[in-house]
Amino acid sequence: MLAALAGAGLAVVMAACGSAGSTGAAGSHAAAGSPAPGHTGGSGRTPAQRAQPGGGTSTSSNARGTGQADAASGNTPRGFWNGTDSFAMPVTGSGPYREPVIGGSYGGYIGMTGNWAHWQGCGGGLVWSAANARQAAANLATYHKGIGTAVYWFMAGPGVDPNYDGTVAEAVAWGQQQAVRALGNIGSARYYPVVWMDVELPGNAPQFTPAQDNGWKVVYTSPCSGHVKTRHIAAAVDRGVIDGFASYLTAHSSYKPGVYSAPVIWRTIFGTGAAASIPGLYEWTYHGDTSTLAHRPSGWCLTNTSICAHFFGGQHVSDSTALMWQWSGGGGTRNGYGDFDQINGTRTP
């Protein structure tokens, strides 16, 4: 999701702050120069403003309904949609809107509603394309195509919690605090019913985070310092942050919790034991990412290739909780445009 350079998504590879080996960072979900999301509601706003997080209700159907997929026009199989995320993409048409480059209806946009580093005063960048959000919302509300606009929160692990004490209880509280802020940023707007927790190891992405691993693997002297204090966090403590965010979100809103990550990242943070299992959470993966746009996605695989989506935390493509796949622009790849996603609209909660 992080570090867009020269108009193309780029997520760097990092050595995870003292852990063995290197891991690919999650797909490029941010871009330099993108506008920060608004935090105020109210009426009398422009369509672009209403499409921003906290900018008021764009349409009630945007968060609670899903249009009919049009397989004949490039979205295959029926029920799947092509979409984009994060920084601005050249969506074509004047309504109904078309997916850039690969064609088909524009099936959805997923943008950043907040960044933990920005929230903590560390200067972390925010990424939101008001134009793409408006286009995706219009396609659903007016033309009954796609899933509309969705949002994600760039998550902080326990290692950048200013009150870190090594306990699961404090990790849960830290996750709850992030959910409070995410919901505050969303405000009265109505989006796709899943709010995504962006869980990744971004490496050298100082424009978005001062912590090499977002605090999932090591403990820092303070949220913004970038200086390591302790080089170990138990998987159960990491999991506490996820549980805290998810429990607060469901208790205080109608939104459902979901996680954006990839198998290698998930294992690096949560291991392979009980802390890694998330059977009740929705998922958006970027495993199987590719730089080429020559092969279009169809049913979780790219046509005429062996590249397919793989989910994490014990989930698989056949599970009803497997909702999205970032098939290009993630994992450190550059395709010349940005991030492309495939969305299973039939599984919208």
Foldseek 3Di string as FASTA:
>chain_A
DDDDDPQFFFFDWADQQPDPDIDFWWFHAEDPPADAFDQDDDDPDDLLQLLGFNHYANDQCLAPHAFWADVVWQAADTQKAKEFEWADFPWDDDPLIFDPPRTGGHAEYEAELEAVCVVVVQQADGTDDSVRLSNQQCCCPPVRHHNGYAYEYADAFLQQPQPRDQDLVVLLVLLQVSLVVSCSSNHNYHHHQEYEYEQIQRAPRSNHALARRSRLQFHAPHRNPNHTDGGGHALSSRLSSVNSNQVNDVVPHRHHYAYEEEAVGLCVRNNDDPSLADLPHAYEYAQLADQEPPFDDHLQATPPDPRGDATTNPDGSPDLRHFKYFRYRTSRYTNPHYTMMMGRNVSRD
